[in-house]
Amino acid sequence: MDQPLCVECAGKVVAEVDAATRAAQKETAAYEAALQRLQAEPAAALPEPEFAARLAQAQAEERAERCVFRFVFRPCCQYIPGSAMHPRE
């Protein structure tokens, strides 16, 4: 990081990183559970309507995850001393 952080801003960054870590751990657990389910299922093609429904649901979930990712990892000018958003100035 190029700019030093005040204690208050550092605490906010730590909280955001902790939240992102928890989200990644949750996603990893969901992935592992899905992988175990897939490995236990017999390999068979889905009927086209069911495939389309599952694909649409997966795409909706991906869009939601991308929104969370963009929120958690958004650029934060508020953490840069000297910026208009910095709480100490």
N, C-alpha and C. Protein backbone atom coordinates (compact mmCIF):
# COMPACT_ATOMS: atom_id res chain seq x y z
N MET A 1 0.85 -1.16 0.00
CA MET A 1 0.00 0.00 0.00
C MET A 1 0.90 1.23 0.00
N ASP A 2 0.57 2.19 -0.83
CA ASP A 2 1.41 3.38 -0.97
C ASP A 2 1.13 4.43 0.10
N GLN A 3 -0.07 4.45 0.64
CA GLN A 3 -0.45 5.48 1.59
C GLN A 3 -0.58 4.88 2.99
N PRO A 4 -0.11 5.59 4.02
CA PRO A 4 -0.31 5.10 5.38
C PRO A 4 -1.79 5.24 5.76
N LEU A 5 -2.23 4.44 6.72
CA LEU A 5 -3.62 4.47 7.16
C LEU A 5 -3.68 4.89 8.62
N CYS A 6 -4.72 5.64 8.97
CA CYS A 6 -4.94 5.94 10.38
C CYS A 6 -5.49 4.67 11.03
N VAL A 7 -5.52 4.65 12.35
CA VAL A 7 -5.97 3.47 13.09
C VAL A 7 -7.42 3.14 12.74
N GLU A 8 -8.26 4.14 12.65
CA GLU A 8 -9.68 3.93 12.34
C GLU A 8 -9.84 3.30 10.95
N CYS A 9 -9.13 3.82 9.97
CA CYS A 9 -9.22 3.28 8.62
C CYS A 9 -8.62 1.88 8.54
N ALA A 10 -7.54 1.64 9.25
CA ALA A 10 -6.93 0.31 9.26
C ALA A 10 -7.92 -0.70 9.83
N GLY A 11 -8.66 -0.31 10.85
CA GLY A 11 -9.67 -1.19 11.42
C GLY A 11 -10.75 -1.52 10.41
N LYS A 12 -11.15 -0.53 9.61
CA LYS A 12 -12.15 -0.77 8.57
C LYS A 12 -11.63 -1.72 7.51
N VAL A 13 -10.38 -1.55 7.13
CA VAL A 13 -9.79 -2.43 6.13
C VAL A 13 -9.72 -3.86 6.67
N VAL A 14 -9.31 -4.02 7.90
CA VAL A 14 -9.25 -5.35 8.52
C VAL A 14 -10.64 -5.98 8.55
N ALA A 15 -11.65 -5.21 8.90
CA ALA A 15 -13.02 -5.74 8.94
C ALA A 15 -13.46 -6.19 7.55
N GLU A 16 -13.14 -5.42 6.52
CA GLU A 16 -13.51 -5.80 5.16
C GLU A 16 -12.77 -7.05 4.70
N VAL A 17 -11.49 -7.15 5.05
CA VAL A 17 -10.72 -8.33 4.67
C VAL A 17 -11.26 -9.56 5.41
N ASP A 18 -11.61 -9.39 6.68
CA ASP A 18 -12.20 -10.49 7.44
C ASP A 18 -13.51 -10.95 6.80
N ALA A 19 -14.34 -9.99 6.39
CA ALA A 19 -15.61 -10.34 5.74
C ALA A 19 -15.36 -11.07 4.43
N ALA A 20 -14.39 -10.61 3.67
CA ALA A 20 -14.06 -11.27 2.40
C ALA A 20 -13.52 -12.68 2.66
N THR A 21 -12.75 -12.85 3.71
CA THR A 21 -12.21 -14.17 4.06
C THR A 21 -13.33 -15.12 4.44
N ARG A 22 -14.27 -14.63 5.26
CA ARG A 22 -15.42 -15.48 5.64
C ARG A 22 -16.23 -15.85 4.41
N ALA A 23 -16.44 -14.92 3.50
CA ALA A 23 -17.19 -15.21 2.28
C ALA A 23 -16.47 -16.25 1.43
N ALA A 24 -15.15 -16.13 1.34
CA ALA A 24 -14.37 -17.10 0.56
C ALA A 24 -14.42 -18.48 1.20
N GLN A 25 -14.37 -18.52 2.54
CA GLN A 25 -14.46 -19.81 3.23
C GLN A 25 -15.84 -20.45 3.02
N LYS A 26 -16.88 -19.63 3.05
CA LYS A 26 -18.23 -20.13 2.81
C LYS A 26 -18.35 -20.66 1.38
N GLU A 27 -17.80 -19.92 0.44
CA GLU A 27 -17.84 -20.35 -0.96
C GLU A 27 -17.06 -21.65 -1.15
N THR A 28 -15.93 -21.78 -0.49
CA THR A 28 -15.12 -22.99 -0.58
C THR A 28 -15.89 -24.19 -0.03
N ALA A 29 -16.54 -24.00 1.11
CA ALA A 29 -17.33 -25.09 1.70
C ALA A 29 -18.48 -25.49 0.78
N ALA A 30 -19.13 -24.51 0.16
CA ALA A 30 -20.23 -24.80 -0.78
C ALA A 30 -19.70 -25.54 -2.00
N TYR A 31 -18.54 -25.12 -2.49
CA TYR A 31 -17.93 -25.79 -3.64
C TYR A 31 -17.59 -27.24 -3.30
N GLU A 32 -17.00 -27.45 -2.13
CA GLU A 32 -16.63 -28.81 -1.73
C GLU A 32 -17.87 -29.69 -1.57
N ALA A 33 -18.95 -29.14 -1.00
CA ALA A 33 -20.20 -29.90 -0.86
C ALA A 33 -20.78 -30.24 -2.22
N ALA A 34 -20.76 -29.28 -3.13
CA ALA A 34 -21.27 -29.52 -4.49
C ALA A 34 -20.43 -30.57 -5.20
N LEU A 35 -19.13 -30.51 -5.02
CA LEU A 35 -18.24 -31.48 -5.65
C LEU A 35 -18.53 -32.88 -5.12
N GLN A 36 -18.73 -33.00 -3.82
CA GLN A 36 -19.05 -34.31 -3.24
C GLN A 36 -20.39 -34.83 -3.78
N ARG A 37 -21.39 -33.94 -3.90
CA ARG A 37 -22.68 -34.35 -4.47
C ARG A 37 -22.51 -34.83 -5.91
N LEU A 38 -21.74 -34.07 -6.68
CA LEU A 38 -21.54 -34.43 -8.09
C LEU A 38 -20.81 -35.76 -8.23
N GLN A 39 -19.84 -35.98 -7.37
CA GLN A 39 -19.09 -37.24 -7.44
C GLN A 39 -19.96 -38.43 -7.04
N ALA A 40 -20.98 -38.19 -6.21
CA ALA A 40 -21.86 -39.26 -5.76
C ALA A 40 -22.97 -39.56 -6.77
N GLU A 41 -23.29 -38.59 -7.65
CA GLU A 41 -24.36 -38.77 -8.63
C GLU A 41 -23.89 -39.63 -9.80
N PRO A 42 -24.80 -40.43 -10.34
CA PRO A 42 -24.44 -41.13 -11.57
C PRO A 42 -24.37 -40.12 -12.72
N ALA A 43 -23.46 -40.35 -13.62
CA ALA A 43 -23.28 -39.43 -14.75
C ALA A 43 -24.40 -39.67 -15.76
N ALA A 44 -25.27 -38.68 -15.92
CA ALA A 44 -26.36 -38.76 -16.89
C ALA A 44 -26.68 -37.35 -17.37
N ALA A 45 -27.06 -37.24 -18.61
CA ALA A 45 -27.40 -35.94 -19.17
C ALA A 45 -28.76 -35.48 -18.63
N LEU A 46 -28.86 -34.18 -18.36
CA LEU A 46 -30.13 -33.62 -17.91
C LEU A 46 -31.02 -33.33 -19.11
N PRO A 47 -32.32 -33.42 -18.92
CA PRO A 47 -33.22 -32.98 -19.98
C PRO A 47 -32.99 -31.49 -20.24
N GLU A 48 -33.18 -31.04 -21.45
CA GLU A 48 -32.89 -29.66 -21.83
C GLU A 48 -33.58 -28.62 -20.94
N PRO A 49 -34.88 -28.75 -20.61
CA PRO A 49 -35.51 -27.73 -19.76
C PRO A 49 -34.88 -27.65 -18.36
N GLU A 50 -34.55 -28.79 -17.79
CA GLU A 50 -33.92 -28.79 -16.46
C GLU A 50 -32.53 -28.18 -16.53
N PHE A 51 -31.79 -28.51 -17.59
CA PHE A 51 -30.46 -27.93 -17.78
C PHE A 51 -30.55 -26.41 -17.88
N ALA A 52 -31.50 -25.92 -18.68
CA ALA A 52 -31.66 -24.47 -18.86
C ALA A 52 -32.01 -23.80 -17.54
N ALA A 53 -32.87 -24.43 -16.73
CA ALA A 53 -33.26 -23.86 -15.44
C ALA A 53 -32.06 -23.82 -14.49
N ARG A 54 -31.30 -24.89 -14.45
CA ARG A 54 -30.11 -24.92 -13.56
C ARG A 54 -29.06 -23.91 -14.02
N LEU A 55 -28.89 -23.80 -15.33
CA LEU A 55 -27.93 -22.83 -15.86
C LEU A 55 -28.34 -21.41 -15.49
N ALA A 56 -29.63 -21.10 -15.65
CA ALA A 56 -30.12 -19.77 -15.30
C ALA A 56 -29.90 -19.48 -13.82
N GLN A 57 -30.15 -20.47 -12.97
CA GLN A 57 -29.95 -20.29 -11.53
C GLN A 57 -28.47 -20.07 -11.22
N ALA A 58 -27.60 -20.84 -11.85
CA ALA A 58 -26.16 -20.69 -11.62
C ALA A 58 -25.68 -19.31 -12.08
N GLN A 59 -26.19 -18.86 -13.20
CA GLN A 59 -25.80 -17.54 -13.69
C GLN A 59 -26.29 -16.43 -12.76
N ALA A 60 -27.49 -16.58 -12.21
CA ALA A 60 -28.00 -15.60 -11.25
C ALA A 60 -27.14 -15.59 -9.99
N GLU A 61 -26.75 -16.77 -9.52
CA GLU A 61 -25.88 -16.85 -8.35
C GLU A 61 -24.53 -16.21 -8.63
N GLU A 62 -24.01 -16.43 -9.82
CA GLU A 62 -22.72 -15.84 -10.19
C GLU A 62 -22.82 -14.31 -10.20
N ARG A 63 -23.91 -13.77 -10.76
CA ARG A 63 -24.09 -12.32 -10.78
C ARG A 63 -24.15 -11.77 -9.35
N ALA A 64 -24.85 -12.48 -8.46
CA ALA A 64 -24.93 -12.04 -7.07
C ALA A 64 -23.55 -12.05 -6.41
N GLU A 65 -22.78 -13.09 -6.65
CA GLU A 65 -21.43 -13.18 -6.08
C GLU A 65 -20.53 -12.07 -6.63
N ARG A 66 -20.69 -11.75 -7.90
CA ARG A 66 -19.89 -10.66 -8.48
C ARG A 66 -20.23 -9.33 -7.81
N CYS A 67 -21.51 -9.12 -7.51
CA CYS A 67 -21.91 -7.89 -6.81
C CYS A 67 -21.26 -7.82 -5.44
N VAL A 68 -21.28 -8.92 -4.72
CA VAL A 68 -20.65 -8.96 -3.39
C VAL A 68 -19.16 -8.68 -3.54
N PHE A 69 -18.52 -9.31 -4.52
CA PHE A 69 -17.09 -9.12 -4.73
C PHE A 69 -16.78 -7.66 -5.02
N ARG A 70 -17.57 -7.04 -5.91
CA ARG A 70 -17.32 -5.63 -6.25
C ARG A 70 -17.51 -4.74 -5.02
N PHE A 71 -18.47 -5.08 -4.16
CA PHE A 71 -18.70 -4.28 -2.96
C PHE A 71 -17.53 -4.43 -1.99
N VAL A 72 -17.11 -5.65 -1.76
CA VAL A 72 -16.04 -5.90 -0.78
C VAL A 72 -14.71 -5.33 -1.27
N PHE A 73 -14.44 -5.46 -2.56
CA PHE A 73 -13.14 -5.03 -3.08
C PHE A 73 -13.23 -3.74 -3.89
N ARG A 74 -14.20 -2.90 -3.57
CA ARG A 74 -14.35 -1.63 -4.28
C ARG A 74 -13.18 -0.71 -3.97
N PRO A 75 -12.85 0.16 -4.90
CA PRO A 75 -11.81 1.15 -4.61
C PRO A 75 -12.29 2.06 -3.48
N CYS A 76 -11.46 2.31 -2.52
CA CYS A 76 -11.86 3.09 -1.35
C CYS A 76 -11.01 4.33 -1.21
N CYS A 77 -11.46 5.43 -1.83
CA CYS A 77 -10.72 6.68 -1.65
C CYS A 77 -10.83 7.16 -0.21
N GLN A 78 -11.85 6.66 0.53
CA GLN A 78 -12.01 7.10 1.91
C GLN A 78 -10.86 6.65 2.79
N TYR A 79 -10.07 5.67 2.33
CA TYR A 79 -8.95 5.19 3.13
C TYR A 79 -7.63 5.88 2.78
N ILE A 80 -7.68 6.80 1.86
CA ILE A 80 -6.46 7.48 1.44
C ILE A 80 -6.39 8.84 2.13
N PRO A 81 -5.40 9.02 3.02
CA PRO A 81 -5.28 10.33 3.69
C PRO A 81 -5.18 11.44 2.66
N GLY A 82 -5.86 12.51 2.95
CA GLY A 82 -5.85 13.65 2.03
C GLY A 82 -7.02 13.63 1.09
N SER A 83 -7.73 12.50 0.99
CA SER A 83 -8.89 12.46 0.11
C SER A 83 -10.06 13.15 0.81
N ALA A 84 -11.03 13.55 0.04
CA ALA A 84 -12.20 14.24 0.60
C ALA A 84 -13.00 13.35 1.52
N MET A 85 -12.89 12.03 1.38
CA MET A 85 -13.68 11.09 2.16
C MET A 85 -12.99 10.65 3.46
N HIS A 86 -11.74 10.99 3.65
CA HIS A 86 -11.01 10.51 4.82
C HIS A 86 -11.61 11.12 6.07
N PRO A 87 -11.99 10.30 7.06
CA PRO A 87 -12.72 10.81 8.23
C PRO A 87 -11.93 11.73 9.14
N ARG A 88 -10.62 11.71 9.09
CA ARG A 88 -9.82 12.53 10.00
C ARG A 88 -9.51 13.92 9.45
N GLU A 89 -9.89 14.16 8.22
CA GLU A 89 -9.53 15.46 7.64
C GLU A 89 -10.73 16.25 7.19
